[in-house]
Amino acid sequence: MLRITIHEERHAITLHLEGTLAGQSLRVLEECWQGTIARRGKSILRVDLTDVTFVDDAGEACLAAMHRQGARFVAVDCMTKAIIAEITRSSLPGNSKITAT
């Protein structure tokens, strides 16, 4: 199960994800993400993974696609930090799009 909460700020839109990034929930996430991209303008898109409990291979692929479109990630635990590090590994040094708190 996945819960998505959208927080819109002046210069950023944050998708706060809670639960699992797997199975049918990914379709909902992709629809939400695509809708957000369409209306975000020049706003930064952040994806807050703080409350994500599980990510399967398809979930990783979805996050990688978001990264390729410029999404920035917020991760606090070892699991999500490792997933994001792997996804962003090809990014240039010093151009990391992960925020660790």
Protein backbone atom coordinates (compact mmCIF):
# COMPACT_ATOMS: atom_id res chain seq x y z
CA MET A 1 0.00 0.00 0.00
CA LEU A 2 1.24 3.47 -0.85
CA ARG A 3 0.08 6.84 0.37
CA ILE A 4 1.08 9.96 -1.57
CA THR A 5 0.74 13.45 -0.13
CA ILE A 6 1.56 16.45 -2.31
CA HIS A 7 3.02 19.54 -0.65
CA GLU A 8 3.18 22.59 -2.91
CA GLU A 9 5.49 25.41 -1.95
CA ARG A 10 6.57 28.49 -3.83
CA HIS A 11 9.61 26.96 -5.55
CA ALA A 12 9.15 23.25 -4.94
CA ILE A 13 6.62 20.48 -5.05
CA THR A 14 7.18 17.53 -2.72
CA LEU A 15 5.66 14.10 -3.13
CA HIS A 16 5.73 12.56 0.35
CA LEU A 17 5.53 8.79 -0.03
CA GLU A 18 4.48 6.40 2.74
CA GLY A 19 4.44 2.61 2.49
CA THR A 20 5.69 0.34 -0.26
CA LEU A 21 6.89 1.16 -3.76
CA ALA A 22 5.83 -2.05 -5.41
CA GLY A 23 3.10 -3.64 -7.49
CA GLN A 24 -0.05 -1.75 -8.38
CA SER A 25 0.84 1.24 -6.20
CA LEU A 26 3.48 2.21 -8.77
CA ARG A 27 0.80 2.94 -11.34
CA VAL A 28 -0.76 5.47 -8.97
CA LEU A 29 2.66 6.98 -8.23
CA GLU A 30 3.47 7.31 -11.93
CA GLU A 31 0.12 9.00 -12.63
CA CYS A 32 0.65 11.39 -9.72
CA TRP A 33 4.22 12.11 -10.81
CA GLN A 34 3.27 12.75 -14.45
CA GLY A 35 0.44 15.04 -13.38
CA THR A 36 2.80 16.93 -11.10
CA ILE A 37 5.40 17.31 -13.86
CA ALA A 38 2.75 18.75 -16.16
CA ARG A 39 1.86 21.54 -13.74
CA ARG A 40 5.08 22.20 -11.83
CA GLY A 41 6.55 24.79 -14.20
CA LYS A 42 9.99 25.73 -12.91
CA SER A 43 9.40 24.29 -9.46
CA ILE A 44 11.77 21.69 -8.09
CA LEU A 45 10.24 18.24 -7.70
CA ARG A 46 11.25 16.54 -4.46
CA VAL A 47 10.36 12.97 -3.60
CA ASP A 48 10.36 12.38 0.16
CA LEU A 49 11.11 8.72 0.87
CA THR A 50 11.28 9.16 4.65
CA ASP A 51 8.32 6.87 5.31
CA VAL A 52 8.91 4.30 2.55
CA THR A 53 9.19 0.80 4.01
CA PHE A 54 9.94 -1.33 0.93
CA VAL A 55 11.04 -0.80 -2.68
CA ASP A 56 11.00 -3.61 -5.27
CA ASP A 57 12.84 -3.62 -8.62
CA ALA A 58 9.97 -1.90 -10.39
CA GLY A 59 9.92 0.74 -7.66
CA GLU A 60 13.63 1.35 -8.17
CA ALA A 61 13.03 1.69 -11.91
CA CYS A 62 10.29 4.24 -11.24
CA LEU A 63 12.60 6.26 -8.96
CA ALA A 64 15.34 6.10 -11.61
CA ALA A 65 12.91 7.49 -14.20
CA MET A 66 12.00 10.29 -11.80
CA HIS A 67 15.70 11.03 -11.29
CA ARG A 68 16.26 11.25 -15.04
CA GLN A 69 13.48 13.85 -15.16
CA GLY A 70 15.21 15.95 -12.48
CA ALA A 71 13.55 14.77 -9.26
CA ARG A 72 15.47 15.28 -6.04
CA PHE A 73 15.15 12.76 -3.24
CA VAL A 74 14.91 13.00 0.53
CA ALA A 75 16.03 9.84 2.31
CA VAL A 76 16.87 9.25 5.98
CA ASP A 77 17.35 5.53 6.53
CA CYS A 78 19.99 3.15 5.25
CA MET A 79 17.68 1.32 2.84
CA THR A 80 16.42 4.36 0.96
CA LYS A 81 19.82 6.07 1.03
CA ALA A 82 21.38 2.98 -0.57
CA ILE A 83 18.68 2.79 -3.24
CA ILE A 84 19.04 6.46 -4.10
CA ALA A 85 22.84 6.23 -4.08
CA GLU A 86 22.63 3.41 -6.62
CA ILE A 87 20.14 5.31 -8.77
CA THR A 88 22.20 8.51 -8.73
CA ARG A 89 25.57 6.75 -9.04
CA SER A 90 25.95 7.96 -12.60
CA SER A 91 25.50 11.59 -11.52
CA LEU A 92 28.55 13.81 -11.58
CA PRO A 93 30.44 14.17 -8.28
CA GLY A 94 29.17 17.15 -6.35
CA ASN A 95 25.88 17.06 -8.24
CA SER A 96 24.10 14.65 -5.93
CA LYS A 97 20.36 14.90 -5.83
CA ILE A 98 19.93 13.22 -2.47
CA THR A 99 19.32 14.94 0.82
CA ALA A 100 20.21 12.98 3.93
CA THR A 101 18.87 14.14 7.25
